[in-house]
Amino acid sequence: MLTDLTKLGLTDEEARVYLACLEINGGPVSVIAKKAGLQRVSCYHTLGNLQRKRLLSQYDKGGIKCFTPEQPEQLLKLAEERVNLTKGLLPELKSLVRTSGFKPKIRFYEGKDGVERVFTESLTAKKEILGYTNLKNVTEFFPKFFKEYTYTRLRKGIKTRYLSPNTVESVHVIDPFLPKNYDPNLIEILLVNKEQFPFQNEILIFGNTVGVVSLNRDELLGLLVESGTFAQTMRAVFDLAWLGATAFVAK
């Protein structure tokens, strides 16, 4: 719960103090600090921050300053305020991007979450996704996420073409990740020689973006490059590779 509260914008200490107040229904600083496991001075400062965020109220009891928590629904109100503020800022922020001239956007992510972030970004594709992949590796790397990703992609009607090394496992490895009654026209896979093309990374090409992720557990990283010309070039290279693979399969 602490982690979730920090994702909502609270610091670790603020989350601990807020939870402590909820559990004991507030009280004087000394009691709250003890419950939260903090020093009194540090707790007093944190209580002030929570007051400014309208998550706590203050009252006096026998000359002693006390604090009481607001209802948890206040967190939802704060989140809605942030969303509305962000929506209001978007037009101005976008205008700054347009007036500053074109700059390729490059985003770098680390860890398993970063790898998943790149895959999730590809679900914004308006047309097909092109991908160099290793189906054996990607299905073993994060089976639960990949199944959810595949289900969502097919549900959105996004067509995908994959090039993947041909292994004994890869022939039917993706079958358990496909929903029942899916449209087979939405996914095409060409298997290429695993010795000549031992893909260890996944490259996804969609819209004006190229995503790269490592499928090696020792190199957990993700990269997104947003550039129309770069994506167009990578799409052309993929189509060339696809034609070559098609010719090889046809022999």
Protein backbone atom coordinates (compact mmCIF):
# COMPACT_ATOMS: atom_id res chain seq x y z
CA MET A 1 0.00 0.00 0.00
CA LEU A 2 2.91 2.34 0.74
CA THR A 3 4.22 1.89 -2.79
CA ASP A 4 0.82 2.62 -4.30
CA LEU A 5 0.47 5.80 -2.25
CA THR A 6 3.87 7.05 -3.40
CA LYS A 7 2.71 6.50 -7.00
CA LEU A 8 -0.15 8.87 -6.19
CA GLY A 9 2.32 11.62 -5.36
CA LEU A 10 3.02 11.12 -1.64
CA THR A 11 6.52 10.74 -0.31
CA ASP A 12 7.36 7.61 1.66
CA GLU A 13 7.10 9.52 4.97
CA GLU A 14 3.83 11.16 3.96
CA ALA A 15 2.35 7.78 3.07
CA ARG A 16 3.46 6.28 6.40
CA VAL A 17 2.06 9.19 8.41
CA TYR A 18 -1.22 9.23 6.48
CA LEU A 19 -1.72 5.49 7.01
CA ALA A 20 -0.85 5.86 10.69
CA CYS A 21 -3.46 8.60 11.06
CA LEU A 22 -6.09 6.45 9.39
CA GLU A 23 -5.31 3.48 11.63
CA ILE A 24 -5.53 5.42 14.91
CA ASN A 25 -8.00 8.06 13.68
CA GLY A 26 -5.47 10.80 14.26
CA GLY A 27 -4.21 12.31 17.49
CA PRO A 28 -1.32 14.39 18.81
CA VAL A 29 2.01 14.50 16.98
CA SER A 30 3.77 12.26 19.49
CA VAL A 31 1.23 9.45 19.06
CA ILE A 32 1.20 9.69 15.28
CA ALA A 33 5.02 9.76 15.12
CA LYS A 34 5.26 6.63 17.24
CA LYS A 35 2.72 4.80 15.09
CA ALA A 36 4.49 5.83 11.88
CA GLY A 37 7.96 5.03 13.27
CA LEU A 38 9.30 8.56 12.80
CA GLN A 39 11.04 11.20 14.88
CA ARG A 40 8.62 13.78 16.31
CA VAL A 41 10.24 16.74 14.51
CA SER A 42 10.24 14.93 11.15
CA CYS A 43 6.65 13.81 11.68
CA TYR A 44 5.51 17.35 12.48
CA HIS A 45 6.96 18.59 9.19
CA THR A 46 5.27 15.75 7.29
CA LEU A 47 1.93 16.46 8.95
CA GLY A 48 2.17 20.02 7.67
CA ASN A 49 2.73 18.73 4.14
CA LEU A 50 -0.32 16.47 4.40
CA GLN A 51 -2.38 19.41 5.63
CA ARG A 52 -1.40 21.44 2.58
CA LYS A 53 -2.47 18.49 0.42
CA ARG A 54 -5.80 18.55 2.26
CA LEU A 55 -5.40 14.99 3.51
CA LEU A 56 -5.37 16.00 7.20
CA SER A 57 -7.17 18.52 9.38
CA GLN A 58 -5.85 20.15 12.54
CA TYR A 59 -7.64 20.78 15.83
CA ASP A 60 -6.71 21.59 19.44
CA LYS A 61 -7.55 19.30 22.34
CA GLY A 62 -6.76 20.67 25.80
CA GLY A 63 -4.17 23.01 24.33
CA ILE A 64 -2.47 20.19 22.42
CA LYS A 65 -2.29 20.35 18.64
CA CYS A 66 -3.88 17.26 17.07
CA PHE A 67 -4.44 16.01 13.55
CA THR A 68 -7.24 13.95 12.05
CA PRO A 69 -7.32 12.30 8.62
CA GLU A 70 -9.69 13.28 5.86
CA GLN A 71 -11.65 10.51 4.15
CA PRO A 72 -9.59 8.45 1.64
CA GLU A 73 -11.85 9.73 -1.15
CA GLN A 74 -9.81 12.94 -0.90
CA LEU A 75 -7.01 11.08 -2.70
CA LEU A 76 -9.33 10.61 -5.67
CA LYS A 77 -10.19 14.31 -5.68
CA LEU A 78 -6.50 15.22 -5.69
CA ALA A 79 -5.84 12.81 -8.57
CA GLU A 80 -8.73 14.31 -10.55
CA GLU A 81 -7.35 17.80 -9.95
CA ARG A 82 -3.97 16.70 -11.32
CA VAL A 83 -5.62 15.18 -14.39
CA ASN A 84 -7.59 18.37 -15.06
CA LEU A 85 -4.49 20.49 -14.55
CA THR A 86 -2.54 18.31 -16.98
CA LYS A 87 -5.30 18.52 -19.59
CA GLY A 88 -5.23 22.30 -19.27
CA LEU A 89 -1.46 22.40 -19.77
CA LEU A 90 -1.35 20.08 -22.79
CA PRO A 91 -2.24 22.68 -25.47
CA GLU A 92 0.47 25.06 -24.24
CA LEU A 93 3.04 22.28 -23.93
CA LYS A 94 2.26 21.01 -27.43
CA SER A 95 2.59 24.51 -28.85
CA LEU A 96 6.11 24.70 -27.40
CA VAL A 97 7.02 21.48 -29.18
CA ARG A 98 5.74 22.76 -32.53
CA THR A 99 7.57 26.08 -32.31
CA SER A 100 10.90 24.64 -31.26
CA GLY A 101 11.49 22.75 -34.53
CA PHE A 102 11.78 19.00 -35.02
CA LYS A 103 13.89 17.01 -32.59
CA PRO A 104 13.85 13.22 -32.58
CA LYS A 105 12.49 11.98 -29.27
CA ILE A 106 14.59 9.29 -27.66
CA ARG A 107 13.43 7.61 -24.47
CA PHE A 108 15.52 5.08 -22.57
CA TYR A 109 14.18 2.69 -19.95
CA GLU A 110 15.85 0.16 -17.68
CA GLY A 111 14.65 -3.02 -16.00
CA LYS A 112 11.80 -5.37 -16.81
CA ASP A 113 9.30 -2.51 -16.43
CA GLY A 114 11.21 -0.61 -19.11
CA VAL A 115 11.00 -3.56 -21.50
CA GLU A 116 7.25 -3.83 -20.88
CA ARG A 117 6.91 -0.06 -21.41
CA VAL A 118 8.17 -0.37 -25.00
CA PHE A 119 5.74 -3.19 -25.80
CA THR A 120 2.86 -1.25 -24.25
CA GLU A 121 3.75 1.83 -26.31
CA SER A 122 3.36 -0.20 -29.50
CA LEU A 123 -0.32 -0.72 -28.67
CA THR A 124 -0.86 2.89 -29.78
CA ALA A 125 -0.19 1.81 -33.38
CA LYS A 126 -2.83 2.95 -35.86
CA LYS A 127 -1.63 0.53 -38.53
CA GLU A 128 0.43 -2.65 -38.44
CA ILE A 129 3.39 -3.42 -36.18
CA LEU A 130 6.53 -4.86 -37.75
CA GLY A 131 8.84 -6.81 -35.51
CA TYR A 132 12.15 -8.61 -35.43
CA THR A 133 11.79 -10.97 -32.49
CA ASN A 134 12.77 -14.28 -30.93
CA LEU A 135 9.47 -15.96 -30.09
CA LYS A 136 11.09 -18.58 -27.89
CA ASN A 137 12.89 -15.96 -25.80
CA VAL A 138 10.08 -13.43 -25.58
CA THR A 139 7.47 -15.97 -24.45
CA GLU A 140 9.83 -17.32 -21.79
CA PHE A 141 10.96 -13.86 -20.67
CA PHE A 142 7.59 -12.56 -19.42
CA PRO A 143 4.83 -15.04 -20.30
CA LYS A 144 2.04 -13.36 -18.31
CA PHE A 145 2.70 -9.88 -19.72
CA PHE A 146 3.22 -11.15 -23.26
CA LYS A 147 -0.11 -12.97 -23.16
CA GLU A 148 -1.91 -9.82 -21.96
CA TYR A 149 -0.06 -7.77 -24.59
CA THR A 150 -0.99 -10.20 -27.39
CA TYR A 151 -4.64 -10.34 -26.30
CA THR A 152 -4.87 -6.54 -26.19
CA ARG A 153 -3.16 -6.12 -29.56
CA LEU A 154 -5.50 -8.58 -31.27
CA ARG A 155 -8.54 -7.11 -29.54
CA LYS A 156 -7.57 -3.68 -30.91
CA GLY A 157 -7.34 -5.19 -34.38
CA ILE A 158 -3.66 -4.30 -34.81
CA LYS A 159 -1.98 -6.46 -37.42
CA THR A 160 1.56 -7.68 -36.68
CA ARG A 161 4.24 -9.21 -38.88
CA TYR A 162 7.10 -10.99 -37.11
CA LEU A 163 10.47 -12.28 -38.27
CA SER A 164 11.84 -14.82 -35.79
CA PRO A 165 14.61 -17.46 -35.64
CA ASN A 166 13.34 -20.93 -36.51
CA THR A 167 13.69 -23.33 -33.58
CA VAL A 168 11.82 -26.49 -32.66
CA GLU A 169 10.06 -24.56 -29.88
CA SER A 170 9.23 -21.48 -31.94
CA VAL A 171 7.01 -23.31 -34.44
CA HIS A 172 4.06 -23.45 -32.04
CA VAL A 173 5.42 -21.52 -29.04
CA ILE A 174 3.04 -18.59 -29.55
CA ASP A 175 -0.11 -20.74 -29.73
CA PRO A 176 -0.88 -20.63 -25.96
CA PHE A 177 -0.64 -16.83 -26.07
CA LEU A 178 -3.38 -16.41 -28.66
CA PRO A 179 -7.04 -15.97 -27.67
CA LYS A 180 -9.71 -18.30 -29.00
CA ASN A 181 -11.43 -17.26 -32.21
CA TYR A 182 -8.86 -14.55 -32.98
CA ASP A 183 -8.57 -13.23 -36.53
CA PRO A 184 -5.60 -15.12 -38.07
CA ASN A 185 -5.18 -12.33 -40.61
CA LEU A 186 -3.91 -10.09 -37.79
CA ILE A 187 -0.67 -12.00 -37.27
CA GLU A 188 1.92 -13.25 -39.74
CA ILE A 189 5.16 -14.95 -38.74
CA LEU A 190 8.09 -15.90 -40.93
CA LEU A 191 10.73 -18.12 -39.34
CA VAL A 192 14.31 -17.57 -40.52
CA ASN A 193 17.52 -19.53 -40.09
CA LYS A 194 18.47 -19.40 -36.39
CA GLU A 195 22.18 -19.76 -37.17
CA GLN A 196 22.26 -16.85 -39.59
CA PHE A 197 19.78 -14.64 -37.72
CA PRO A 198 20.07 -15.28 -33.95
CA PHE A 199 17.95 -12.30 -32.81
CA GLN A 200 18.55 -11.49 -29.13
CA ASN A 201 16.70 -8.18 -29.20
CA GLU A 202 13.17 -7.28 -30.22
CA ILE A 203 12.72 -4.39 -32.64
CA LEU A 204 9.20 -3.04 -33.07
CA ILE A 205 8.34 -0.58 -35.83
CA PHE A 206 5.00 1.24 -35.55
CA GLY A 207 3.78 4.64 -36.67
CA ASN A 208 6.65 7.12 -36.38
CA THR A 209 8.35 5.11 -33.65
CA VAL A 210 10.95 2.38 -33.43
CA GLY A 211 11.20 0.44 -30.18
CA VAL A 212 14.13 -1.74 -29.17
CA VAL A 213 14.22 -4.07 -26.18
CA SER A 214 16.74 -6.60 -24.95
CA LEU A 215 15.51 -10.16 -24.43
CA ASN A 216 18.62 -10.96 -22.40
CA ARG A 217 17.99 -11.02 -18.64
CA ASP A 218 21.46 -9.54 -18.05
CA GLU A 219 20.69 -6.53 -20.27
CA LEU A 220 17.24 -5.34 -19.27
CA LEU A 221 16.68 -2.18 -21.28
CA GLY A 222 14.19 -0.56 -23.58
CA LEU A 223 14.58 2.21 -26.12
CA LEU A 224 11.99 4.24 -28.03
CA VAL A 225 12.99 6.50 -30.92
CA GLU A 226 10.27 8.74 -32.32
CA SER A 227 11.28 9.93 -35.77
CA GLY A 228 9.22 9.70 -38.95
CA THR A 229 12.20 9.34 -41.28
CA PHE A 230 13.93 6.77 -39.07
CA ALA A 231 10.74 4.71 -38.75
CA GLN A 232 10.21 4.91 -42.53
CA THR A 233 13.74 3.67 -43.20
CA MET A 234 13.42 0.83 -40.66
CA ARG A 235 10.08 -0.12 -42.21
CA ALA A 236 11.70 -0.31 -45.65
CA VAL A 237 14.53 -2.46 -44.29
CA PHE A 238 11.99 -4.77 -42.63
CA ASP A 239 10.00 -5.11 -45.87
CA LEU A 240 13.21 -5.97 -47.70
CA ALA A 241 14.01 -8.63 -45.08
CA TRP A 242 10.42 -9.91 -45.26
CA LEU A 243 10.66 -10.31 -49.04
CA GLY A 244 13.93 -12.17 -48.65
CA ALA A 245 12.46 -14.45 -45.99
CA THR A 246 9.37 -15.06 -48.12
CA ALA A 247 11.53 -16.08 -51.06
CA PHE A 248 13.53 -18.42 -48.82
CA VAL A 249 10.37 -20.08 -47.48
CA ALA A 250 8.98 -20.47 -50.99
CA LYS A 251 12.00 -22.48 -52.16
